[in-house]
């Protein structure tokens, strides 16, 4: 088994700071009004484990303020069900039909944003219909298979999903670790108290990137630093994706997976 371990109990306890991050969202409103706007293409947000579309409401409201057509996943609470520990996360008929309808309505490819477990769904849906997906953005999603059991919600996941994490096959780990067939941005935090951050980063290719932020896991979806990244990524023209620019002051705020000397 990988040497990567689940986050410490201290980091798990510090997840309570997400309430302060939600408060910071209100205080940062004037700053976020300067965030880039784009072409208004549709964006679908996939919630994390045990959460529903209510959890992504602040994110979707922000996206709407930037001119995008934002949608929840529309499937209730995410219990992690429907996952095949051999074949992976199938893009079920409901998810695919919703994606198809949204893309047809707007006449533009959709960006998929997934928080934690929702990011794993988003990545796998993009594999099924890359022709309908513009890019994928994940937030604290432990998809890369370095240690699937390196999480503090292992028992909860196994209880609600009906699956044992130990059942995951090496073949599925390798499949899930492969970058999506569309541009992908993985947002992670080294102070994640739920999932080991090392499991939340993409393999580096010419269409993937990793961006580190100072955040809790449960605050990623409304952390102002994360929202700025998302606005920046969405504002790129279709087919004109390039890595996030960390020059200037942003180099002190955002890190990447190779920046091992980062103080946070």
C-alpha atoms as a PDB file:
ATOM      1  CA  UNK A   1       0.000   0.000   0.000  1.00  0.00           C
ATOM      2  CA  UNK A   2       1.120   3.527  -0.696  1.00  0.00           C
ATOM      3  CA  UNK A   3       2.980   5.456   1.991  1.00  0.00           C
ATOM      4  CA  UNK A   4       0.442   8.242   1.562  1.00  0.00           C
ATOM      5  CA  UNK A   5      -1.722   8.377   4.672  1.00  0.00           C
ATOM      6  CA  UNK A   6      -5.060   9.933   5.441  1.00  0.00           C
ATOM      7  CA  UNK A   7      -4.983  13.509   6.789  1.00  0.00           C
ATOM      8  CA  UNK A   8      -4.163  13.888  10.471  1.00  0.00           C
ATOM      9  CA  UNK A   9      -6.857  14.273  13.113  1.00  0.00           C
ATOM     10  CA  UNK A  10      -5.681  17.858  13.588  1.00  0.00           C
ATOM     11  CA  UNK A  11      -6.375  18.678   9.940  1.00  0.00           C
ATOM     12  CA  UNK A  12      -9.725  16.910  10.212  1.00  0.00           C
ATOM     13  CA  UNK A  13     -10.620  19.045  13.238  1.00  0.00           C
ATOM     14  CA  UNK A  14      -9.573  22.191  11.387  1.00  0.00           C
ATOM     15  CA  UNK A  15     -12.245  21.544   8.749  1.00  0.00           C
ATOM     16  CA  UNK A  16     -14.478  23.679  10.953  1.00  0.00           C
ATOM     17  CA  UNK A  17     -12.754  26.733   9.517  1.00  0.00           C
ATOM     18  CA  UNK A  18     -14.907  26.363   6.422  1.00  0.00           C
ATOM     19  CA  UNK A  19     -17.515  28.502   8.218  1.00  0.00           C
ATOM     20  CA  UNK A  20     -15.002  31.352   8.233  1.00  0.00           C
ATOM     21  CA  UNK A  21     -14.278  30.744   4.555  1.00  0.00           C
ATOM     22  CA  UNK A  22     -17.981  31.115   3.834  1.00  0.00           C
ATOM     23  CA  UNK A  23     -17.912  34.412   5.717  1.00  0.00           C
ATOM     24  CA  UNK A  24     -14.861  35.482   3.732  1.00  0.00           C
ATOM     25  CA  UNK A  25     -16.890  34.974   0.562  1.00  0.00           C
ATOM     26  CA  UNK A  26     -19.195  37.818   1.579  1.00  0.00           C
ATOM     27  CA  UNK A  27     -16.318  40.079   2.558  1.00  0.00           C
ATOM     28  CA  UNK A  28     -14.527  39.431  -0.722  1.00  0.00           C
ATOM     29  CA  UNK A  29     -17.536  40.296  -2.886  1.00  0.00           C
ATOM     30  CA  UNK A  30     -16.046  43.573  -4.209  1.00  0.00           C
ATOM     31  CA  UNK A  31     -12.794  41.779  -5.081  1.00  0.00           C
ATOM     32  CA  UNK A  32     -14.607  38.967  -6.872  1.00  0.00           C
ATOM     33  CA  UNK A  33     -16.541  41.437  -9.014  1.00  0.00           C
ATOM     34  CA  UNK A  34     -13.227  42.045 -10.767  1.00  0.00           C
ATOM     35  CA  UNK A  35     -12.924  38.352 -11.670  1.00  0.00           C
ATOM     36  CA  UNK A  36     -12.892  37.628 -15.415  1.00  0.00           C
ATOM     37  CA  UNK A  37     -16.108  37.083 -17.337  1.00  0.00           C
ATOM     38  CA  UNK A  38     -16.387  34.723 -20.269  1.00  0.00           C
ATOM     39  CA  UNK A  39     -18.687  33.730 -23.118  1.00  0.00           C
ATOM     40  CA  UNK A  40     -21.564  32.484 -20.965  1.00  0.00           C
ATOM     41  CA  UNK A  41     -21.226  28.805 -21.841  1.00  0.00           C
ATOM     42  CA  UNK A  42     -23.017  26.302 -19.570  1.00  0.00           C
ATOM     43  CA  UNK A  43     -21.372  24.977 -16.410  1.00  0.00           C
ATOM     44  CA  UNK A  44     -22.537  21.949 -14.421  1.00  0.00           C
ATOM     45  CA  UNK A  45     -21.465  21.588 -10.765  1.00  0.00           C
ATOM     46  CA  UNK A  46     -21.269  18.129  -9.162  1.00  0.00           C
ATOM     47  CA  UNK A  47     -21.494  18.017  -5.344  1.00  0.00           C
ATOM     48  CA  UNK A  48     -19.269  16.096  -2.973  1.00  0.00           C
ATOM     49  CA  UNK A  49     -19.996  12.987  -0.936  1.00  0.00           C
ATOM     50  CA  UNK A  50     -23.168  13.236   1.205  1.00  0.00           C
ATOM     51  CA  UNK A  51     -23.993  16.689  -0.169  1.00  0.00           C
ATOM     52  CA  UNK A  52     -26.500  17.928  -2.716  1.00  0.00           C
ATOM     53  CA  UNK A  53     -26.930  20.855  -5.087  1.00  0.00           C
ATOM     54  CA  UNK A  54     -27.421  23.098  -2.054  1.00  0.00           C
ATOM     55  CA  UNK A  55     -23.680  22.815  -1.357  1.00  0.00           C
ATOM     56  CA  UNK A  56     -22.773  24.215  -4.771  1.00  0.00           C
ATOM     57  CA  UNK A  57     -25.292  27.075  -4.635  1.00  0.00           C
ATOM     58  CA  UNK A  58     -22.699  29.768  -3.671  1.00  0.00           C
ATOM     59  CA  UNK A  59     -20.461  28.600  -6.530  1.00  0.00           C
ATOM     60  CA  UNK A  60     -23.327  28.617  -9.014  1.00  0.00           C
ATOM     61  CA  UNK A  61     -24.498  32.053  -7.917  1.00  0.00           C
ATOM     62  CA  UNK A  62     -20.980  33.341  -8.448  1.00  0.00           C
ATOM     63  CA  UNK A  63     -20.853  31.742 -11.892  1.00  0.00           C
ATOM     64  CA  UNK A  64     -24.161  33.363 -12.777  1.00  0.00           C
ATOM     65  CA  UNK A  65     -22.726  36.734 -11.728  1.00  0.00           C
ATOM     66  CA  UNK A  66     -19.922  36.171 -14.244  1.00  0.00           C
ATOM     67  CA  UNK A  67     -22.500  35.589 -16.979  1.00  0.00           C
ATOM     68  CA  UNK A  68     -22.463  31.779 -17.148  1.00  0.00           C
ATOM     69  CA  UNK A  69     -25.451  29.470 -17.299  1.00  0.00           C
ATOM     70  CA  UNK A  70     -24.879  27.383 -14.185  1.00  0.00           C
ATOM     71  CA  UNK A  71     -26.573  24.113 -13.295  1.00  0.00           C
ATOM     72  CA  UNK A  72     -26.552  21.631 -10.423  1.00  0.00           C
ATOM     73  CA  UNK A  73     -26.224  17.950 -11.125  1.00  0.00           C
ATOM     74  CA  UNK A  74     -29.949  17.445 -10.396  1.00  0.00           C
ATOM     75  CA  UNK A  75     -29.652  13.983  -8.818  1.00  0.00           C
ATOM     76  CA  UNK A  76     -30.238  14.699  -5.127  1.00  0.00           C
ATOM     77  CA  UNK A  77     -27.687  13.796  -2.485  1.00  0.00           C
ATOM     78  CA  UNK A  78     -24.419  12.196  -3.595  1.00  0.00           C
ATOM     79  CA  UNK A  79     -24.145   8.922  -1.691  1.00  0.00           C
ATOM     80  CA  UNK A  80     -21.460   7.477  -3.935  1.00  0.00           C
ATOM     81  CA  UNK A  81     -23.791   4.828  -5.251  1.00  0.00           C
ATOM     82  CA  UNK A  82     -23.628   3.409  -8.738  1.00  0.00           C
ATOM     83  CA  UNK A  83     -19.854   2.981  -8.606  1.00  0.00           C
ATOM     84  CA  UNK A  84     -18.509  -0.309  -9.923  1.00  0.00           C
ATOM     85  CA  UNK A  85     -15.257  -1.148  -8.139  1.00  0.00           C
ATOM     86  CA  UNK A  86     -14.068  -2.985 -11.235  1.00  0.00           C
ATOM     87  CA  UNK A  87     -15.436  -0.898 -14.110  1.00  0.00           C
ATOM     88  CA  UNK A  88     -15.380   2.479 -12.394  1.00  0.00           C
ATOM     89  CA  UNK A  89     -17.902   5.313 -12.369  1.00  0.00           C
ATOM     90  CA  UNK A  90     -20.254   4.799 -15.298  1.00  0.00           C
ATOM     91  CA  UNK A  91     -21.751   7.884 -16.862  1.00  0.00           C
ATOM     92  CA  UNK A  92     -25.344   6.863 -16.182  1.00  0.00           C
ATOM     93  CA  UNK A  93     -28.152   7.612 -18.588  1.00  0.00           C
ATOM     94  CA  UNK A  94     -29.584  10.408 -16.424  1.00  0.00           C
ATOM     95  CA  UNK A  95     -26.266  12.290 -16.207  1.00  0.00           C
ATOM     96  CA  UNK A  96     -25.583  11.928 -19.908  1.00  0.00           C
ATOM     97  CA  UNK A  97     -29.081  12.992 -20.890  1.00  0.00           C
ATOM     98  CA  UNK A  98     -28.837  16.070 -18.664  1.00  0.00           C
ATOM     99  CA  UNK A  99     -25.482  16.991 -20.216  1.00  0.00           C
ATOM    100  CA  UNK A 100     -26.845  16.486 -23.726  1.00  0.00           C
ATOM    101  CA  UNK A 101     -29.933  18.608 -23.034  1.00  0.00           C
ATOM    102  CA  UNK A 102     -27.920  21.464 -21.542  1.00  0.00           C
ATOM    103  CA  UNK A 103     -25.420  21.515 -24.403  1.00  0.00           C
ATOM    104  CA  UNK A 104     -28.213  21.362 -26.974  1.00  0.00           C
ATOM    105  CA  UNK A 105     -30.067  24.219 -25.245  1.00  0.00           C
ATOM    106  CA  UNK A 106     -27.072  26.556 -25.281  1.00  0.00           C
ATOM    107  CA  UNK A 107     -25.345  25.371 -28.424  1.00  0.00           C
ATOM    108  CA  UNK A 108     -22.020  25.316 -26.591  1.00  0.00           C
ATOM    109  CA  UNK A 109     -19.939  22.666 -24.841  1.00  0.00           C
ATOM    110  CA  UNK A 110     -20.249  22.566 -21.054  1.00  0.00           C
ATOM    111  CA  UNK A 111     -17.592  22.883 -18.382  1.00  0.00           C
ATOM    112  CA  UNK A 112     -17.904  20.279 -15.616  1.00  0.00           C
ATOM    113  CA  UNK A 113     -16.869  21.285 -12.084  1.00  0.00           C
ATOM    114  CA  UNK A 114     -16.731  18.617  -9.387  1.00  0.00           C
ATOM    115  CA  UNK A 115     -16.160  18.970  -5.665  1.00  0.00           C
ATOM    116  CA  UNK A 116     -14.483  15.982  -3.975  1.00  0.00           C
ATOM    117  CA  UNK A 117     -16.358  12.828  -5.074  1.00  0.00           C
ATOM    118  CA  UNK A 118     -18.271  14.994  -7.550  1.00  0.00           C
ATOM    119  CA  UNK A 119     -15.006  15.624  -9.368  1.00  0.00           C
ATOM    120  CA  UNK A 120     -14.554  11.900  -9.935  1.00  0.00           C
ATOM    121  CA  UNK A 121     -17.995  11.783 -11.540  1.00  0.00           C
ATOM    122  CA  UNK A 122     -17.198  14.845 -13.675  1.00  0.00           C
ATOM    123  CA  UNK A 123     -13.953  13.329 -14.956  1.00  0.00           C
ATOM    124  CA  UNK A 124     -15.587  10.048 -15.891  1.00  0.00           C
ATOM    125  CA  UNK A 125     -18.535  11.740 -17.607  1.00  0.00           C
ATOM    126  CA  UNK A 126     -16.012  13.683 -19.717  1.00  0.00           C
ATOM    127  CA  UNK A 127     -14.510  10.363 -20.824  1.00  0.00           C
ATOM    128  CA  UNK A 128     -17.904   9.201 -22.042  1.00  0.00           C
ATOM    129  CA  UNK A 129     -18.809  12.373 -23.953  1.00  0.00           C
ATOM    130  CA  UNK A 130     -15.697  14.473 -24.609  1.00  0.00           C
ATOM    131  CA  UNK A 131     -17.509  15.947 -27.604  1.00  0.00           C
ATOM    132  CA  UNK A 132     -19.858  17.745 -25.196  1.00  0.00           C
ATOM    133  CA  UNK A 133     -17.317  18.855 -22.581  1.00  0.00           C
ATOM    134  CA  UNK A 134     -15.142  21.958 -22.806  1.00  0.00           C
ATOM    135  CA  UNK A 135     -13.013  21.336 -19.710  1.00  0.00           C
ATOM    136  CA  UNK A 136     -13.100  19.706 -16.275  1.00  0.00           C
ATOM    137  CA  UNK A 137     -12.269  21.398 -12.968  1.00  0.00           C
ATOM    138  CA  UNK A 138     -11.967  19.366  -9.777  1.00  0.00           C
ATOM    139  CA  UNK A 139     -11.769  20.604  -6.185  1.00  0.00           C
ATOM    140  CA  UNK A 140     -10.187  18.241  -3.662  1.00  0.00           C
ATOM    141  CA  UNK A 141     -11.099  15.151  -5.688  1.00  0.00           C
ATOM    142  CA  UNK A 142      -9.040  12.033  -4.770  1.00  0.00           C
ATOM    143  CA  UNK A 143      -8.984  10.458  -8.217  1.00  0.00           C
ATOM    144  CA  UNK A 144      -5.364   9.565  -8.885  1.00  0.00           C
ATOM    145  CA  UNK A 145      -5.272   6.246  -7.076  1.00  0.00           C
ATOM    146  CA  UNK A 146      -2.098   6.795  -5.037  1.00  0.00           C
ATOM    147  CA  UNK A 147      -4.011   5.461  -2.034  1.00  0.00           C
ATOM    148  CA  UNK A 148      -7.824   5.254  -2.335  1.00  0.00           C
ATOM    149  CA  UNK A 149      -8.095   4.616   1.408  1.00  0.00           C
ATOM    150  CA  UNK A 150      -6.247   7.814   2.399  1.00  0.00           C
ATOM    151  CA  UNK A 151      -9.393   9.594   3.544  1.00  0.00           C
ATOM    152  CA  UNK A 152     -11.063  10.394   6.836  1.00  0.00           C
ATOM    153  CA  UNK A 153     -14.501   9.454   5.520  1.00  0.00           C
ATOM    154  CA  UNK A 154     -13.636   5.875   4.563  1.00  0.00           C
ATOM    155  CA  UNK A 155     -16.153   4.273   6.933  1.00  0.00           C
ATOM    156  CA  UNK A 156     -18.900   6.712   5.979  1.00  0.00           C
ATOM    157  CA  UNK A 157     -18.293   6.126   2.279  1.00  0.00           C
ATOM    158  CA  UNK A 158     -18.393   2.371   2.674  1.00  0.00           C
ATOM    159  CA  UNK A 159     -21.594   2.579   4.731  1.00  0.00           C
ATOM    160  CA  UNK A 160     -23.561   4.818   2.377  1.00  0.00           C
ATOM    161  CA  UNK A 161     -22.200   3.608  -0.959  1.00  0.00           C
ATOM    162  CA  UNK A 162     -22.293  -0.096  -0.152  1.00  0.00           C
ATOM    163  CA  UNK A 163     -18.721  -0.571  -1.424  1.00  0.00           C
ATOM    164  CA  UNK A 164     -15.449  -1.364   0.285  1.00  0.00           C
ATOM    165  CA  UNK A 165     -12.554   0.814  -0.827  1.00  0.00           C
ATOM    166  CA  UNK A 166     -10.305  -2.227  -0.562  1.00  0.00           C
ATOM    167  CA  UNK A 167     -12.273  -3.749  -3.462  1.00  0.00           C
ATOM    168  CA  UNK A 168     -10.878  -1.231  -5.949  1.00  0.00           C
ATOM    169  CA  UNK A 169      -8.826  -3.118  -8.536  1.00  0.00           C
ATOM    170  CA  UNK A 170      -5.401  -2.016  -9.834  1.00  0.00           C
ATOM    171  CA  UNK A 171      -6.957  -1.758 -13.294  1.00  0.00           C
ATOM    172  CA  UNK A 172      -9.584   0.693 -12.043  1.00  0.00           C
ATOM    173  CA  UNK A 173      -6.956   2.716 -10.180  1.00  0.00           C
ATOM    174  CA  UNK A 174      -4.964   3.069 -13.390  1.00  0.00           C
ATOM    175  CA  UNK A 175      -8.067   3.977 -15.410  1.00  0.00           C
ATOM    176  CA  UNK A 176      -9.220   6.642 -12.931  1.00  0.00           C
ATOM    177  CA  UNK A 177      -5.702   8.099 -12.775  1.00  0.00           C
ATOM    178  CA  UNK A 178      -5.574   8.762 -16.502  1.00  0.00           C
ATOM    179  CA  UNK A 179      -6.137  12.465 -17.312  1.00  0.00           C
ATOM    180  CA  UNK A 180      -9.490  13.285 -18.923  1.00  0.00           C
ATOM    181  CA  UNK A 181      -9.579  13.661 -22.719  1.00  0.00           C
ATOM    182  CA  UNK A 182     -10.308  17.385 -22.281  1.00  0.00           C
ATOM    183  CA  UNK A 183      -8.360  20.167 -20.511  1.00  0.00           C
ATOM    184  CA  UNK A 184      -8.366  19.546 -16.770  1.00  0.00           C
ATOM    185  CA  UNK A 185      -7.579  21.694 -13.737  1.00  0.00           C
ATOM    186  CA  UNK A 186      -7.157  20.049 -10.330  1.00  0.00           C
ATOM    187  CA  UNK A 187      -7.527  22.425  -7.381  1.00  0.00           C
ATOM    188  CA  UNK A 188      -6.154  20.992  -4.136  1.00  0.00           C
ATOM    189  CA  UNK A 189      -5.144  22.076  -0.655  1.00  0.00           C
ATOM    190  CA  UNK A 190      -2.281  20.707   1.409  1.00  0.00           C
ATOM    191  CA  UNK A 191      -4.356  21.442   4.524  1.00  0.00           C
ATOM    192  CA  UNK A 192      -7.153  19.132   3.360  1.00  0.00           C
ATOM    193  CA  UNK A 193      -8.642  17.377   6.391  1.00  0.00           C
ATOM    194  CA  UNK A 194     -10.776  14.899   4.426  1.00  0.00           C
ATOM    195  CA  UNK A 195      -8.681  13.478   1.568  1.00  0.00           C
ATOM    196  CA  UNK A 196      -4.909  13.266   1.256  1.00  0.00           C
ATOM    197  CA  UNK A 197      -3.924  16.111  -1.059  1.00  0.00           C
ATOM    198  CA  UNK A 198      -1.405  13.921  -2.866  1.00  0.00           C
ATOM    199  CA  UNK A 199      -4.366  11.907  -4.187  1.00  0.00           C
ATOM    200  CA  UNK A 200      -6.035  14.998  -5.658  1.00  0.00           C
ATOM    201  CA  UNK A 201      -3.506  16.012  -8.318  1.00  0.00           C
ATOM    202  CA  UNK A 202      -3.453  15.316 -12.044  1.00  0.00           C
ATOM    203  CA  UNK A 203      -0.630  13.745 -13.985  1.00  0.00           C
ATOM    204  CA  UNK A 204       1.148  16.568 -15.773  1.00  0.00           C
ATOM    205  CA  UNK A 205       0.429  16.737 -19.512  1.00  0.00           C
ATOM    206  CA  UNK A 206       0.014  19.532 -22.031  1.00  0.00           C
ATOM    207  CA  UNK A 207      -3.670  19.864 -21.089  1.00  0.00           C
ATOM    208  CA  UNK A 208      -3.647  19.339 -17.321  1.00  0.00           C
ATOM    209  CA  UNK A 209      -2.609  21.478 -14.364  1.00  0.00           C
ATOM    210  CA  UNK A 210      -2.596  21.469 -10.563  1.00  0.00           C
ATOM    211  CA  UNK A 211      -3.287  24.579  -8.501  1.00  0.00           C
ATOM    212  CA  UNK A 212      -2.821  24.621  -4.741  1.00  0.00           C
ATOM    213  CA  UNK A 213      -4.767  26.942  -2.453  1.00  0.00           C
ATOM    214  CA  UNK A 214      -4.943  27.629   1.272  1.00  0.00           C
ATOM    215  CA  UNK A 215      -8.318  26.154   2.197  1.00  0.00           C
ATOM    216  CA  UNK A 216     -10.177  23.476   4.052  1.00  0.00           C
ATOM    217  CA  UNK A 217     -11.690  20.613   2.042  1.00  0.00           C
ATOM    218  CA  UNK A 218     -15.248  21.543   2.984  1.00  0.00           C
ATOM    219  CA  UNK A 219     -14.624  25.185   2.100  1.00  0.00           C
ATOM    220  CA  UNK A 220     -13.230  24.676  -1.396  1.00  0.00           C
ATOM    221  CA  UNK A 221     -16.542  25.324  -3.121  1.00  0.00           C
ATOM    222  CA  UNK A 222     -16.856  28.864  -1.779  1.00  0.00           C
ATOM    223  CA  UNK A 223     -13.273  29.844  -0.965  1.00  0.00           C
ATOM    224  CA  UNK A 224     -12.630  33.203  -2.720  1.00  0.00           C
ATOM    225  CA  UNK A 225      -9.211  32.054  -3.984  1.00  0.00           C
ATOM    226  CA  UNK A 226     -10.848  29.030  -5.609  1.00  0.00           C
ATOM    227  CA  UNK A 227     -13.627  31.083  -7.177  1.00  0.00           C
ATOM    228  CA  UNK A 228     -11.058  33.375  -8.774  1.00  0.00           C
ATOM    229  CA  UNK A 229      -9.274  30.378 -10.312  1.00  0.00           C
ATOM    230  CA  UNK A 230     -12.554  29.031 -11.673  1.00  0.00           C
ATOM    231  CA  UNK A 231     -13.486  32.386 -13.208  1.00  0.00           C
ATOM    232  CA  UNK A 232     -10.046  32.605 -14.820  1.00  0.00           C
ATOM    233  CA  UNK A 233     -10.273  29.095 -16.254  1.00  0.00           C
ATOM    234  CA  UNK A 234     -13.801  29.549 -17.585  1.00  0.00           C
ATOM    235  CA  UNK A 235     -12.947  32.838 -19.301  1.00  0.00           C
ATOM    236  CA  UNK A 236     -10.649  31.134 -21.798  1.00  0.00           C
ATOM    237  CA  UNK A 237     -12.013  30.809 -25.297  1.00  0.00           C
ATOM    238  CA  UNK A 238     -13.031  27.359 -26.474  1.00  0.00           C
ATOM    239  CA  UNK A 239      -9.997  25.566 -27.848  1.00  0.00           C
ATOM    240  CA  UNK A 240      -7.643  28.177 -26.387  1.00  0.00           C
ATOM    241  CA  UNK A 241      -6.834  26.554 -23.045  1.00  0.00           C
ATOM    242  CA  UNK A 242      -3.514  27.401 -21.417  1.00  0.00           C
ATOM    243  CA  UNK A 243      -2.164  26.862 -17.867  1.00  0.00           C
ATOM    244  CA  UNK A 244      -3.062  29.235 -15.053  1.00  0.00           C
ATOM    245  CA  UNK A 245      -0.751  32.248 -14.875  1.00  0.00           C
ATOM    246  CA  UNK A 246       0.954  32.333 -11.451  1.00  0.00           C
ATOM    247  CA  UNK A 247       3.190  35.325 -12.168  1.00  0.00           C
ATOM    248  CA  UNK A 248       3.408  38.375  -9.929  1.00  0.00           C
ATOM    249  CA  UNK A 249       1.482  38.412  -6.660  1.00  0.00           C
ATOM    250  CA  UNK A 250      -0.353  35.216  -7.599  1.00  0.00           C
ATOM    251  CA  UNK A 251       2.876  33.267  -7.070  1.00  0.00           C
ATOM    252  CA  UNK A 252       2.480  33.964  -3.334  1.00  0.00           C
ATOM    253  CA  UNK A 253      -1.139  32.805  -3.283  1.00  0.00           C
ATOM    254  CA  UNK A 254      -1.216  29.763  -5.543  1.00  0.00           C
ATOM    255  CA  UNK A 255       1.169  26.799  -5.721  1.00  0.00           C
ATOM    256  CA  UNK A 256       1.410  23.684  -7.857  1.00  0.00           C
ATOM    257  CA  UNK A 257       1.994  20.014  -7.077  1.00  0.00           C
ATOM    258  CA  UNK A 258       5.750  20.372  -7.625  1.00  0.00           C
ATOM    259  CA  UNK A 259       6.064  23.312  -5.218  1.00  0.00           C
ATOM    260  CA  UNK A 260       7.066  21.218  -2.212  1.00  0.00           C
ATOM    261  CA  UNK A 261       8.614  24.178  -0.394  1.00  0.00           C
ATOM    262  CA  UNK A 262       5.299  26.009  -0.100  1.00  0.00           C
ATOM    263  CA  UNK A 263       4.751  27.139   3.506  1.00  0.00           C
ATOM    264  CA  UNK A 264       1.224  25.849   3.458  1.00  0.00           C
END
